[in-house]
Amino acid sequence: MRMLSVGAALVMMTSAAMADDDDARSAQKLAQQGRDDYWHCLAREYSRDSNQGLSEQDFGRSVAGACPSERQYYRVALLDYLTTQYPNIDAGAHLATANRAVEAAQKDIVMAFVKHRPPAR
């Protein structure tokens, strides 16, 4: 009878570990999808004809306000992934990391805009 209890406990622990792995994989996929969706939206913003004459600062402000739903989804999905992967780390640290990821995406698109813009005449 004791072997059955130990065996049942082992099955339950294994099932819980597999569920945790599934949760982590799911959270990772959602974070990656959020990142990709946000980047695609930023790329559309980058490609707009109306942005061609903007200064770096004006384009930066435009990008900061662009894609609000994609930006928020990315932030939340990344926060969920970080919380799943590192449950013992303070949620504020995860939020700061997610915010830095969003800021880095915005900075990268602005740098690409500046680098590829035609020279001033």
PDB file of N, CA and C in Angstrom:
ATOM      1  N   MET A   1       0.820  -1.186   0.000  1.00  0.00           N
ATOM      2  CA  MET A   1       0.000   0.000   0.000  1.00  0.00           C
ATOM      3  C   MET A   1       0.869   1.257   0.000  1.00  0.00           C
ATOM      4  N   ARG A   2       1.976   1.218   0.746  1.00  0.00           N
ATOM      5  CA  ARG A   2       2.878   2.370   0.790  1.00  0.00           C
ATOM      6  C   ARG A   2       3.486   2.651  -0.588  1.00  0.00           C
ATOM      7  N   MET A   3       3.839   1.630  -1.330  1.00  0.00           N
ATOM      8  CA  MET A   3       4.398   1.799  -2.667  1.00  0.00           C
ATOM      9  C   MET A   3       3.417   2.509  -3.595  1.00  0.00           C
ATOM     10  N   LEU A   4       2.166   2.206  -3.441  1.00  0.00           N
ATOM     11  CA  LEU A   4       1.157   2.862  -4.251  1.00  0.00           C
ATOM     12  C   LEU A   4       1.125   4.353  -3.933  1.00  0.00           C
ATOM     13  N   SER A   5       1.230   4.708  -2.672  1.00  0.00           N
ATOM     14  CA  SER A   5       1.213   6.114  -2.272  1.00  0.00           C
ATOM     15  C   SER A   5       2.435   6.841  -2.809  1.00  0.00           C
ATOM     16  N   VAL A   6       3.608   6.227  -2.693  1.00  0.00           N
ATOM     17  CA  VAL A   6       4.825   6.841  -3.215  1.00  0.00           C
ATOM     18  C   VAL A   6       4.731   6.952  -4.733  1.00  0.00           C
ATOM     19  N   GLY A   7       4.254   5.905  -5.382  1.00  0.00           N
ATOM     20  CA  GLY A   7       4.090   5.936  -6.835  1.00  0.00           C
ATOM     21  C   GLY A   7       3.106   7.000  -7.262  1.00  0.00           C
ATOM     22  N   ALA A   8       2.001   7.108  -6.548  1.00  0.00           N
ATOM     23  CA  ALA A   8       0.993   8.120  -6.876  1.00  0.00           C
ATOM     24  C   ALA A   8       1.570   9.524  -6.672  1.00  0.00           C
ATOM     25  N   ALA A   9       2.345   9.699  -5.614  1.00  0.00           N
ATOM     26  CA  ALA A   9       2.967  10.989  -5.355  1.00  0.00           C
ATOM     27  C   ALA A   9       3.956  11.332  -6.467  1.00  0.00           C
ATOM     28  N   LEU A  10       4.711  10.345  -6.915  1.00  0.00           N
ATOM     29  CA  LEU A  10       5.672  10.550  -7.995  1.00  0.00           C
ATOM     30  C   LEU A  10       4.969  10.956  -9.282  1.00  0.00           C
ATOM     31  N   VAL A  11       3.867  10.288  -9.578  1.00  0.00           N
ATOM     32  CA  VAL A  11       3.086  10.627 -10.779  1.00  0.00           C
ATOM     33  C   VAL A  11       2.556  12.055 -10.661  1.00  0.00           C
ATOM     34  N   MET A  12       2.067  12.414  -9.495  1.00  0.00           N
ATOM     35  CA  MET A  12       1.532  13.767  -9.304  1.00  0.00           C
ATOM     36  C   MET A  12       2.641  14.810  -9.446  1.00  0.00           C
ATOM     37  N   MET A  13       3.825  14.536  -8.883  1.00  0.00           N
ATOM     38  CA  MET A  13       4.939  15.473  -8.983  1.00  0.00           C
ATOM     39  C   MET A  13       5.398  15.610 -10.435  1.00  0.00           C
ATOM     40  N   THR A  14       5.456  14.497 -11.137  1.00  0.00           N
ATOM     41  CA  THR A  14       5.857  14.522 -12.538  1.00  0.00           C
ATOM     42  C   THR A  14       4.835  15.297 -13.359  1.00  0.00           C
ATOM     43  N   SER A  15       3.566  15.076 -13.098  1.00  0.00           N
ATOM     44  CA  SER A  15       2.508  15.798 -13.810  1.00  0.00           C
ATOM     45  C   SER A  15       2.595  17.293 -13.539  1.00  0.00           C
ATOM     46  N   ALA A  16       2.859  17.653 -12.292  1.00  0.00           N
ATOM     47  CA  ALA A  16       2.986  19.065 -11.941  1.00  0.00           C
ATOM     48  C   ALA A  16       4.190  19.686 -12.642  1.00  0.00           C
ATOM     49  N   ALA A  17       5.300  18.967 -12.693  1.00  0.00           N
ATOM     50  CA  ALA A  17       6.497  19.476 -13.371  1.00  0.00           C
ATOM     51  C   ALA A  17       6.239  19.646 -14.863  1.00  0.00           C
ATOM     52  N   MET A  18       5.539  18.698 -15.457  1.00  0.00           N
ATOM     53  CA  MET A  18       5.215  18.799 -16.883  1.00  0.00           C
ATOM     54  C   MET A  18       4.282  19.982 -17.136  1.00  0.00           C
ATOM     55  N   ALA A  19       3.332  20.195 -16.232  1.00  0.00           N
ATOM     56  CA  ALA A  19       2.424  21.333 -16.377  1.00  0.00           C
ATOM     57  C   ALA A  19       3.205  22.634 -16.264  1.00  0.00           C
ATOM     58  N   ASP A  20       4.180  22.692 -15.330  1.00  0.00           N
ATOM     59  CA  ASP A  20       5.019  23.876 -15.204  1.00  0.00           C
ATOM     60  C   ASP A  20       5.813  24.114 -16.483  1.00  0.00           C
ATOM     61  N   ASP A  21       6.355  23.033 -17.063  1.00  0.00           N
ATOM     62  CA  ASP A  21       7.085  23.148 -18.324  1.00  0.00           C
ATOM     63  C   ASP A  21       6.182  23.654 -19.438  1.00  0.00           C
ATOM     64  N   ASP A  22       4.961  23.133 -19.479  1.00  0.00           N
ATOM     65  CA  ASP A  22       4.000  23.588 -20.488  1.00  0.00           C
ATOM     66  C   ASP A  22       3.670  25.061 -20.286  1.00  0.00           C
ATOM     67  N   ASP A  23       3.481  25.470 -19.029  1.00  0.00           N
ATOM     68  CA  ASP A  23       3.199  26.873 -18.733  1.00  0.00           C
ATOM     69  C   ASP A  23       4.360  27.762 -19.165  1.00  0.00           C
ATOM     70  N   ALA A  24       5.587  27.313 -18.875  1.00  0.00           N
ATOM     71  CA  ALA A  24       6.765  28.090 -19.244  1.00  0.00           C
ATOM     72  C   ALA A  24       6.892  28.198 -20.754  1.00  0.00           C
ATOM     73  N   ARG A  25       6.681  27.090 -21.464  1.00  0.00           N
ATOM     74  CA  ARG A  25       6.758  27.121 -22.933  1.00  0.00           C
ATOM     75  C   ARG A  25       5.667  28.017 -23.519  1.00  0.00           C
ATOM     76  N   SER A  26       4.489  27.914 -22.958  1.00  0.00           N
ATOM     77  CA  SER A  26       3.387  28.743 -23.433  1.00  0.00           C
ATOM     78  C   SER A  26       3.680  30.229 -23.192  1.00  0.00           C
ATOM     79  N   ALA A  27       4.182  30.542 -22.006  1.00  0.00           N
ATOM     80  CA  ALA A  27       4.519  31.932 -21.681  1.00  0.00           C
ATOM     81  C   ALA A  27       5.627  32.440 -22.602  1.00  0.00           C
ATOM     82  N   GLN A  28       6.596  31.584 -22.898  1.00  0.00           N
ATOM     83  CA  GLN A  28       7.686  31.978 -23.789  1.00  0.00           C
ATOM     84  C   GLN A  28       7.159  32.249 -25.199  1.00  0.00           C
ATOM     85  N   LYS A  29       6.297  31.373 -25.696  1.00  0.00           N
ATOM     86  CA  LYS A  29       5.727  31.563 -27.034  1.00  0.00           C
ATOM     87  C   LYS A  29       4.925  32.854 -27.114  1.00  0.00           C
ATOM     88  N   LEU A  30       4.145  33.140 -26.068  1.00  0.00           N
ATOM     89  CA  LEU A  30       3.350  34.366 -26.058  1.00  0.00           C
ATOM     90  C   LEU A  30       4.241  35.604 -26.020  1.00  0.00           C
ATOM     91  N   ALA A  31       5.327  35.535 -25.249  1.00  0.00           N
ATOM     92  CA  ALA A  31       6.258  36.664 -25.188  1.00  0.00           C
ATOM     93  C   ALA A  31       6.925  36.878 -26.550  1.00  0.00           C
ATOM     94  N   GLN A  32       7.311  35.797 -27.204  1.00  0.00           N
ATOM     95  CA  GLN A  32       7.920  35.913 -28.530  1.00  0.00           C
ATOM     96  C   GLN A  32       6.926  36.459 -29.547  1.00  0.00           C
ATOM     97  N   GLN A  33       5.695  36.000 -29.465  1.00  0.00           N
ATOM     98  CA  GLN A  33       4.670  36.503 -30.377  1.00  0.00           C
ATOM     99  C   GLN A  33       4.408  37.987 -30.118  1.00  0.00           C
ATOM    100  N   GLY A  34       4.364  38.367 -28.852  1.00  0.00           N
ATOM    101  CA  GLY A  34       4.180  39.774 -28.507  1.00  0.00           C
ATOM    102  C   GLY A  34       5.311  40.632 -29.045  1.00  0.00           C
ATOM    103  N   ARG A  35       6.542  40.136 -28.899  1.00  0.00           N
ATOM    104  CA  ARG A  35       7.709  40.859 -29.423  1.00  0.00           C
ATOM    105  C   ARG A  35       7.582  41.017 -30.940  1.00  0.00           C
ATOM    106  N   ASP A  36       7.267  39.924 -31.623  1.00  0.00           N
ATOM    107  CA  ASP A  36       7.161  39.966 -33.083  1.00  0.00           C
ATOM    108  C   ASP A  36       6.054  40.909 -33.536  1.00  0.00           C
ATOM    109  N   ASP A  37       4.906  40.860 -32.881  1.00  0.00           N
ATOM    110  CA  ASP A  37       3.796  41.752 -33.241  1.00  0.00           C
ATOM    111  C   ASP A  37       4.182  43.214 -33.037  1.00  0.00           C
ATOM    112  N   TYR A  38       4.872  43.497 -31.926  1.00  0.00           N
ATOM    113  CA  TYR A  38       5.291  44.872 -31.657  1.00  0.00           C
ATOM    114  C   TYR A  38       6.305  45.333 -32.699  1.00  0.00           C
ATOM    115  N   TRP A  39       7.268  44.483 -33.010  1.00  0.00           N
ATOM    116  CA  TRP A  39       8.257  44.841 -34.016  1.00  0.00           C
ATOM    117  C   TRP A  39       7.622  45.069 -35.385  1.00  0.00           C
ATOM    118  N   HIS A  40       6.678  44.230 -35.761  1.00  0.00           N
ATOM    119  CA  HIS A  40       6.009  44.417 -37.058  1.00  0.00           C
ATOM    120  C   HIS A  40       5.256  45.738 -37.091  1.00  0.00           C
ATOM    121  N   CYS A  41       4.624  46.078 -35.990  1.00  0.00           N
ATOM    122  CA  CYS A  41       3.913  47.349 -35.930  1.00  0.00           C
ATOM    123  C   CYS A  41       4.903  48.519 -36.022  1.00  0.00           C
ATOM    124  N   LEU A  42       6.028  48.423 -35.310  1.00  0.00           N
ATOM    125  CA  LEU A  42       7.041  49.473 -35.396  1.00  0.00           C
ATOM    126  C   LEU A  42       7.600  49.576 -36.816  1.00  0.00           C
ATOM    127  N   ALA A  43       7.749  48.452 -37.475  1.00  0.00           N
ATOM    128  CA  ALA A  43       8.237  48.464 -38.857  1.00  0.00           C
ATOM    129  C   ALA A  43       7.250  49.177 -39.776  1.00  0.00           C
ATOM    130  N   ARG A  44       5.965  48.965 -39.534  1.00  0.00           N
ATOM    131  CA  ARG A  44       4.955  49.684 -40.332  1.00  0.00           C
ATOM    132  C   ARG A  44       5.063  51.185 -40.073  1.00  0.00           C
ATOM    133  N   GLU A  45       5.282  51.554 -38.832  1.00  0.00           N
ATOM    134  CA  GLU A  45       5.448  52.969 -38.483  1.00  0.00           C
ATOM    135  C   GLU A  45       6.687  53.540 -39.189  1.00  0.00           C
ATOM    136  N   TYR A  46       7.747  52.798 -39.176  1.00  0.00           N
ATOM    137  CA  TYR A  46       9.004  53.185 -39.825  1.00  0.00           C
ATOM    138  C   TYR A  46       8.790  53.440 -41.315  1.00  0.00           C
ATOM    139  N   SER A  47       7.952  52.620 -41.937  1.00  0.00           N
ATOM    140  CA  SER A  47       7.756  52.660 -43.385  1.00  0.00           C
ATOM    141  C   SER A  47       6.790  53.737 -43.853  1.00  0.00           C
ATOM    142  N   ARG A  48       6.110  54.390 -42.957  1.00  0.00           N
ATOM    143  CA  ARG A  48       5.119  55.377 -43.371  1.00  0.00           C
ATOM    144  C   ARG A  48       5.769  56.532 -44.121  1.00  0.00           C
ATOM    145  N   ASP A  49       5.185  56.896 -45.235  1.00  0.00           N
ATOM    146  CA  ASP A  49       5.706  58.013 -46.033  1.00  0.00           C
ATOM    147  C   ASP A  49       5.702  59.319 -45.249  1.00  0.00           C
ATOM    148  N   SER A  50       4.736  59.492 -44.382  1.00  0.00           N
ATOM    149  CA  SER A  50       4.623  60.743 -43.632  1.00  0.00           C
ATOM    150  C   SER A  50       5.770  60.941 -42.638  1.00  0.00           C
ATOM    151  N   ASN A  51       6.541  59.907 -42.369  1.00  0.00           N
ATOM    152  CA  ASN A  51       7.663  60.033 -41.437  1.00  0.00           C
ATOM    153  C   ASN A  51       8.956  60.470 -42.107  1.00  0.00           C
ATOM    154  N   GLN A  52       9.000  60.472 -43.418  1.00  0.00           N
ATOM    155  CA  GLN A  52      10.257  60.701 -44.128  1.00  0.00           C
ATOM    156  C   GLN A  52      10.913  62.037 -43.792  1.00  0.00           C
ATOM    157  N   GLY A  53      10.166  63.073 -43.554  1.00  0.00           N
ATOM    158  CA  GLY A  53      10.757  64.383 -43.279  1.00  0.00           C
ATOM    159  C   GLY A  53      10.971  64.673 -41.803  1.00  0.00           C
ATOM    160  N   LEU A  54      10.690  63.719 -40.950  1.00  0.00           N
ATOM    161  CA  LEU A  54      10.788  63.971 -39.514  1.00  0.00           C
ATOM    162  C   LEU A  54      12.230  63.964 -39.024  1.00  0.00           C
ATOM    163  N   SER A  55      12.472  64.744 -37.985  1.00  0.00           N
ATOM    164  CA  SER A  55      13.763  64.708 -37.315  1.00  0.00           C
ATOM    165  C   SER A  55      13.827  63.450 -36.449  1.00  0.00           C
ATOM    166  N   GLU A  56      14.998  63.140 -35.955  1.00  0.00           N
ATOM    167  CA  GLU A  56      15.161  61.984 -35.064  1.00  0.00           C
ATOM    168  C   GLU A  56      14.263  62.116 -33.834  1.00  0.00           C
ATOM    169  N   GLN A  57      14.224  63.310 -33.251  1.00  0.00           N
ATOM    170  CA  GLN A  57      13.411  63.528 -32.053  1.00  0.00           C
ATOM    171  C   GLN A  57      11.922  63.370 -32.352  1.00  0.00           C
ATOM    172  N   ASP A  58      11.476  63.933 -33.476  1.00  0.00           N
ATOM    173  CA  ASP A  58      10.058  63.824 -33.835  1.00  0.00           C
ATOM    174  C   ASP A  58       9.682  62.379 -34.141  1.00  0.00           C
ATOM    175  N   PHE A  59      10.559  61.685 -34.853  1.00  0.00           N
ATOM    176  CA  PHE A  59      10.273  60.281 -35.136  1.00  0.00           C
ATOM    177  C   PHE A  59      10.264  59.475 -33.834  1.00  0.00           C
ATOM    178  N   GLY A  60      11.186  59.770 -32.933  1.00  0.00           N
ATOM    179  CA  GLY A  60      11.220  59.091 -31.633  1.00  0.00           C
ATOM    180  C   GLY A  60       9.935  59.288 -30.856  1.00  0.00           C
ATOM    181  N   ARG A  61       9.411  60.516 -30.869  1.00  0.00           N
ATOM    182  CA  ARG A  61       8.125  60.772 -30.191  1.00  0.00           C
ATOM    183  C   ARG A  61       6.993  60.022 -30.877  1.00  0.00           C
ATOM    184  N   SER A  62       7.040  59.978 -32.201  1.00  0.00           N
ATOM    185  CA  SER A  62       6.012  59.258 -32.950  1.00  0.00           C
ATOM    186  C   SER A  62       6.030  57.771 -32.601  1.00  0.00           C
ATOM    187  N   VAL A  63       7.218  57.182 -32.558  1.00  0.00           N
ATOM    188  CA  VAL A  63       7.362  55.756 -32.238  1.00  0.00           C
ATOM    189  C   VAL A  63       6.926  55.477 -30.806  1.00  0.00           C
ATOM    190  N   ALA A  64       7.259  56.381 -29.886  1.00  0.00           N
ATOM    191  CA  ALA A  64       6.896  56.179 -28.476  1.00  0.00           C
ATOM    192  C   ALA A  64       5.378  56.099 -28.298  1.00  0.00           C
ATOM    193  N   GLY A  65       4.634  56.790 -29.155  1.00  0.00           N
ATOM    194  CA  GLY A  65       3.176  56.769 -29.044  1.00  0.00           C
ATOM    195  C   GLY A  65       2.503  55.771 -29.972  1.00  0.00           C
ATOM    196  N   ALA A  66       3.286  55.143 -30.829  1.00  0.00           N
ATOM    197  CA  ALA A  66       2.716  54.215 -31.814  1.00  0.00           C
ATOM    198  C   ALA A  66       2.474  52.842 -31.201  1.00  0.00           C
ATOM    199  N   CYS A  67       1.596  52.116 -31.780  1.00  0.00           N
ATOM    200  CA  CYS A  67       1.363  50.696 -31.456  1.00  0.00           C
ATOM    201  C   CYS A  67       1.039  50.454 -29.968  1.00  0.00           C
ATOM    202  N   PRO A  68       0.128  51.201 -29.387  1.00  0.00           N
ATOM    203  CA  PRO A  68      -0.100  51.051 -27.944  1.00  0.00           C
ATOM    204  C   PRO A  68      -0.593  49.666 -27.530  1.00  0.00           C
ATOM    205  N   SER A  69      -1.457  49.054 -28.304  1.00  0.00           N
ATOM    206  CA  SER A  69      -1.960  47.737 -27.886  1.00  0.00           C
ATOM    207  C   SER A  69      -0.888  46.670 -28.050  1.00  0.00           C
ATOM    208  N   GLU A  70      -0.118  46.738 -29.123  1.00  0.00           N
ATOM    209  CA  GLU A  70       0.969  45.772 -29.326  1.00  0.00           C
ATOM    210  C   GLU A  70       2.044  45.932 -28.259  1.00  0.00           C
ATOM    211  N   ARG A  71       2.347  47.184 -27.919  1.00  0.00           N
ATOM    212  CA  ARG A  71       3.352  47.470 -26.890  1.00  0.00           C
ATOM    213  C   ARG A  71       2.907  46.903 -25.542  1.00  0.00           C
ATOM    214  N   GLN A  72       1.654  47.143 -25.196  1.00  0.00           N
ATOM    215  CA  GLN A  72       1.156  46.656 -23.906  1.00  0.00           C
ATOM    216  C   GLN A  72       1.085  45.131 -23.878  1.00  0.00           C
ATOM    217  N   TYR A  73       0.670  44.519 -24.971  1.00  0.00           N
ATOM    218  CA  TYR A  73       0.617  43.060 -25.020  1.00  0.00           C
ATOM    219  C   TYR A  73       2.012  42.469 -24.850  1.00  0.00           C
ATOM    220  N   TYR A  74       3.000  43.046 -25.538  1.00  0.00           N
ATOM    221  CA  TYR A  74       4.376  42.586 -25.412  1.00  0.00           C
ATOM    222  C   TYR A  74       4.857  42.716 -23.970  1.00  0.00           C
ATOM    223  N   ARG A  75       4.599  43.872 -23.374  1.00  0.00           N
ATOM    224  CA  ARG A  75       5.034  44.100 -21.991  1.00  0.00           C
ATOM    225  C   ARG A  75       4.411  43.075 -21.045  1.00  0.00           C
ATOM    226  N   VAL A  76       3.123  42.853 -21.154  1.00  0.00           N
ATOM    227  CA  VAL A  76       2.425  41.920 -20.266  1.00  0.00           C
ATOM    228  C   VAL A  76       2.880  40.475 -20.517  1.00  0.00           C
ATOM    229  N   ALA A  77       3.016  40.093 -21.778  1.00  0.00           N
ATOM    230  CA  ALA A  77       3.447  38.722 -22.089  1.00  0.00           C
ATOM    231  C   ALA A  77       4.868  38.477 -21.595  1.00  0.00           C
ATOM    232  N   LEU A  78       5.745  39.457 -21.749  1.00  0.00           N
ATOM    233  CA  LEU A  78       7.115  39.309 -21.269  1.00  0.00           C
ATOM    234  C   LEU A  78       7.138  39.260 -19.749  1.00  0.00           C
ATOM    235  N   LEU A  79       6.333  40.071 -19.116  1.00  0.00           N
ATOM    236  CA  LEU A  79       6.224  40.056 -17.653  1.00  0.00           C
ATOM    237  C   LEU A  79       5.740  38.692 -17.163  1.00  0.00           C
ATOM    238  N   ASP A  80       4.758  38.132 -17.831  1.00  0.00           N
ATOM    239  CA  ASP A  80       4.252  36.807 -17.470  1.00  0.00           C
ATOM    240  C   ASP A  80       5.335  35.747 -17.643  1.00  0.00           C
ATOM    241  N   TYR A  81       6.062  35.814 -18.743  1.00  0.00           N
ATOM    242  CA  TYR A  81       7.140  34.856 -18.990  1.00  0.00           C
ATOM    243  C   TYR A  81       8.217  34.967 -17.911  1.00  0.00           C
ATOM    244  N   LEU A  82       8.635  36.165 -17.605  1.00  0.00           N
ATOM    245  CA  LEU A  82       9.674  36.349 -16.586  1.00  0.00           C
ATOM    246  C   LEU A  82       9.215  35.855 -15.222  1.00  0.00           C
ATOM    247  N   THR A  83       7.966  36.104 -14.903  1.00  0.00           N
ATOM    248  CA  THR A  83       7.412  35.641 -13.627  1.00  0.00           C
ATOM    249  C   THR A  83       7.357  34.123 -13.583  1.00  0.00           C
ATOM    250  N   THR A  84       7.036  33.502 -14.710  1.00  0.00           N
ATOM    251  CA  THR A  84       6.998  32.041 -14.785  1.00  0.00           C
ATOM    252  C   THR A  84       8.401  31.451 -14.653  1.00  0.00           C
ATOM    253  N   GLN A  85       9.368  32.044 -15.347  1.00  0.00           N
ATOM    254  CA  GLN A  85      10.733  31.537 -15.326  1.00  0.00           C
ATOM    255  C   GLN A  85      11.452  31.805 -14.014  1.00  0.00           C
ATOM    256  N   TYR A  86      11.193  32.970 -13.437  1.00  0.00           N
ATOM    257  CA  TYR A  86      11.910  33.403 -12.235  1.00  0.00           C
ATOM    258  C   TYR A  86      10.919  33.855 -11.163  1.00  0.00           C
ATOM    259  N   PRO A  87      10.201  32.905 -10.578  1.00  0.00           N
ATOM    260  CA  PRO A  87       9.142  33.268  -9.632  1.00  0.00           C
ATOM    261  C   PRO A  87       9.657  33.902  -8.333  1.00  0.00           C
ATOM    262  N   ASN A  88      10.919  33.708  -7.998  1.00  0.00           N
ATOM    263  CA  ASN A  88      11.443  34.237  -6.739  1.00  0.00           C
ATOM    264  C   ASN A  88      12.003  35.650  -6.861  1.00  0.00           C
ATOM    265  N   ILE A  89      11.995  36.191  -8.057  1.00  0.00           N
ATOM    266  CA  ILE A  89      12.475  37.558  -8.261  1.00  0.00           C
ATOM    267  C   ILE A  89      11.289  38.512  -8.136  1.00  0.00           C
ATOM    268  N   ASP A  90      11.543  39.652  -7.545  1.00  0.00           N
ATOM    269  CA  ASP A  90      10.520  40.667  -7.309  1.00  0.00           C
ATOM    270  C   ASP A  90       9.819  41.076  -8.606  1.00  0.00           C
ATOM    271  N   ALA A  91       8.509  41.200  -8.540  1.00  0.00           N
ATOM    272  CA  ALA A  91       7.720  41.564  -9.727  1.00  0.00           C
ATOM    273  C   ALA A  91       8.134  42.916 -10.279  1.00  0.00           C
ATOM    274  N   GLY A  92       8.570  43.823  -9.420  1.00  0.00           N
ATOM    275  CA  GLY A  92       9.032  45.130  -9.880  1.00  0.00           C
ATOM    276  C   GLY A  92      10.249  45.021 -10.781  1.00  0.00           C
ATOM    277  N   ALA A  93      11.129  44.081 -10.473  1.00  0.00           N
ATOM    278  CA  ALA A  93      12.312  43.856 -11.320  1.00  0.00           C
ATOM    279  C   ALA A  93      11.900  43.318 -12.681  1.00  0.00           C
ATOM    280  N   HIS A  94      10.911  42.430 -12.688  1.00  0.00           N
ATOM    281  CA  HIS A  94      10.414  41.904 -13.966  1.00  0.00           C
ATOM    282  C   HIS A  94       9.777  43.015 -14.790  1.00  0.00           C
ATOM    283  N   LEU A  95       9.016  43.879 -14.142  1.00  0.00           N
ATOM    284  CA  LEU A  95       8.374  44.982 -14.856  1.00  0.00           C
ATOM    285  C   LEU A  95       9.429  45.927 -15.431  1.00  0.00           C
ATOM    286  N   ALA A  96      10.467  46.193 -14.659  1.00  0.00           N
ATOM    287  CA  ALA A  96      11.546  47.049 -15.161  1.00  0.00           C
ATOM    288  C   ALA A  96      12.218  46.417 -16.377  1.00  0.00           C
ATOM    289  N   THR A  97      12.423  45.122 -16.334  1.00  0.00           N
ATOM    290  CA  THR A  97      13.023  44.413 -17.468  1.00  0.00           C
ATOM    291  C   THR A  97      12.123  44.497 -18.697  1.00  0.00           C
ATOM    292  N   ALA A  98      10.830  44.276 -18.511  1.00  0.00           N
ATOM    293  CA  ALA A  98       9.881  44.353 -19.624  1.00  0.00           C
ATOM    294  C   ALA A  98       9.853  45.771 -20.207  1.00  0.00           C
ATOM    295  N   ASN A  99       9.879  46.771 -19.347  1.00  0.00           N
ATOM    296  CA  ASN A  99       9.896  48.156 -19.824  1.00  0.00           C
ATOM    297  C   ASN A  99      11.171  48.463 -20.603  1.00  0.00           C
ATOM    298  N   ARG A 100      12.303  47.940 -20.135  1.00  0.00           N
ATOM    299  CA  ARG A 100      13.562  48.139 -20.854  1.00  0.00           C
ATOM    300  C   ARG A 100      13.520  47.464 -22.235  1.00  0.00           C
ATOM    301  N   ALA A 101      12.868  46.323 -22.331  1.00  0.00           N
ATOM    302  CA  ALA A 101      12.747  45.633 -23.623  1.00  0.00           C
ATOM    303  C   ALA A 101      11.935  46.477 -24.604  1.00  0.00           C
ATOM    304  N   VAL A 102      10.861  47.078 -24.127  1.00  0.00           N
ATOM    305  CA  VAL A 102      10.044  47.946 -24.979  1.00  0.00           C
ATOM    306  C   VAL A 102      10.859  49.169 -25.400  1.00  0.00           C
ATOM    307  N   GLU A 103      11.560  49.767 -24.448  1.00  0.00           N
ATOM    308  CA  GLU A 103      12.384  50.937 -24.768  1.00  0.00           C
ATOM    309  C   GLU A 103      13.483  50.586 -25.775  1.00  0.00           C
ATOM    310  N   ALA A 104      14.074  49.409 -25.634  1.00  0.00           N
ATOM    311  CA  ALA A 104      15.124  48.983 -26.559  1.00  0.00           C
ATOM    312  C   ALA A 104      14.573  48.815 -27.977  1.00  0.00           C
ATOM    313  N   ALA A 105      13.380  48.272 -28.097  1.00  0.00           N
ATOM    314  CA  ALA A 105      12.763  48.120 -29.421  1.00  0.00           C
ATOM    315  C   ALA A 105      12.537  49.491 -30.048  1.00  0.00           C
ATOM    316  N   GLN A 106      12.051  50.438 -29.253  1.00  0.00           N
ATOM    317  CA  GLN A 106      11.822  51.788 -29.769  1.00  0.00           C
ATOM    318  C   GLN A 106      13.136  52.447 -30.173  1.00  0.00           C
ATOM    319  N   LYS A 107      14.148  52.287 -29.341  1.00  0.00           N
ATOM    320  CA  LYS A 107      15.455  52.874 -29.642  1.00  0.00           C
ATOM    321  C   LYS A 107      16.033  52.273 -30.921  1.00  0.00           C
ATOM    322  N   ASP A 108      15.896  50.959 -31.078  1.00  0.00           N
ATOM    323  CA  ASP A 108      16.418  50.299 -32.277  1.00  0.00           C
ATOM    324  C   ASP A 108      15.744  50.803 -33.547  1.00  0.00           C
ATOM    325  N   ILE A 109      14.446  51.006 -33.507  1.00  0.00           N
ATOM    326  CA  ILE A 109      13.742  51.451 -34.708  1.00  0.00           C
ATOM    327  C   ILE A 109      14.105  52.903 -35.023  1.00  0.00           C
ATOM    328  N   VAL A 110      14.319  53.715 -33.997  1.00  0.00           N
ATOM    329  CA  VAL A 110      14.746  55.101 -34.216  1.00  0.00           C
ATOM    330  C   VAL A 110      16.155  55.120 -34.807  1.00  0.00           C
ATOM    331  N   MET A 111      17.037  54.280 -34.296  1.00  0.00           N
ATOM    332  CA  MET A 111      18.408  54.230 -34.822  1.00  0.00           C
ATOM    333  C   MET A 111      18.405  53.774 -36.287  1.00  0.00           C
ATOM    334  N   ALA A 112      17.555  52.814 -36.623  1.00  0.00           N
ATOM    335  CA  ALA A 112      17.439  52.380 -38.020  1.00  0.00           C
ATOM    336  C   ALA A 112      16.929  53.524 -38.887  1.00  0.00           C
ATOM    337  N   PHE A 113      15.973  54.283 -38.370  1.00  0.00           N
ATOM    338  CA  PHE A 113      15.418  55.426 -39.099  1.00  0.00           C
ATOM    339  C   PHE A 113      16.511  56.454 -39.381  1.00  0.00           C
ATOM    340  N   VAL A 114      17.295  56.786 -38.387  1.00  0.00           N
ATOM    341  CA  VAL A 114      18.360  57.767 -38.529  1.00  0.00           C
ATOM    342  C   VAL A 114      19.428  57.270 -39.491  1.00  0.00           C
ATOM    343  N   LYS A 115      19.792  56.022 -39.354  1.00  0.00           N
ATOM    344  CA  LYS A 115      20.864  55.444 -40.179  1.00  0.00           C
ATOM    345  C   LYS A 115      20.476  55.392 -41.657  1.00  0.00           C
ATOM    346  N   HIS A 116      19.224  55.133 -41.948  1.00  0.00           N
ATOM    347  CA  HIS A 116      18.796  54.930 -43.335  1.00  0.00           C
ATOM    348  C   HIS A 116      18.109  56.136 -43.955  1.00  0.00           C
ATOM    349  N   ARG A 117      18.035  57.208 -43.231  1.00  0.00           N
ATOM    350  CA  ARG A 117      17.385  58.391 -43.798  1.00  0.00           C
ATOM    351  C   ARG A 117      18.352  59.080 -44.755  1.00  0.00           C
ATOM    352  N   PRO A 118      17.821  59.647 -45.826  1.00  0.00           N
ATOM    353  CA  PRO A 118      18.696  60.312 -46.786  1.00  0.00           C
ATOM    354  C   PRO A 118      19.365  61.533 -46.132  1.00  0.00           C
ATOM    355  N   PRO A 119      20.577  61.860 -46.543  1.00  0.00           N
ATOM    356  CA  PRO A 119      21.276  62.996 -45.945  1.00  0.00           C
ATOM    357  C   PRO A 119      20.553  64.312 -46.227  1.00  0.00           C
ATOM    358  N   ALA A 120      20.690  65.265 -45.309  1.00  0.00           N
ATOM    359  CA  ALA A 120      20.077  66.583 -45.481  1.00  0.00           C
ATOM    360  C   ALA A 120      20.765  67.309 -46.629  1.00  0.00           C
ATOM    361  N   ARG A 121      19.985  68.071 -47.357  1.00  0.00           N
ATOM    362  CA  ARG A 121      20.560  68.793 -48.522  1.00  0.00           C
ATOM    363  C   ARG A 121      20.930  70.186 -48.149  1.00  0.00           C
TER     364      ARG A 121
END
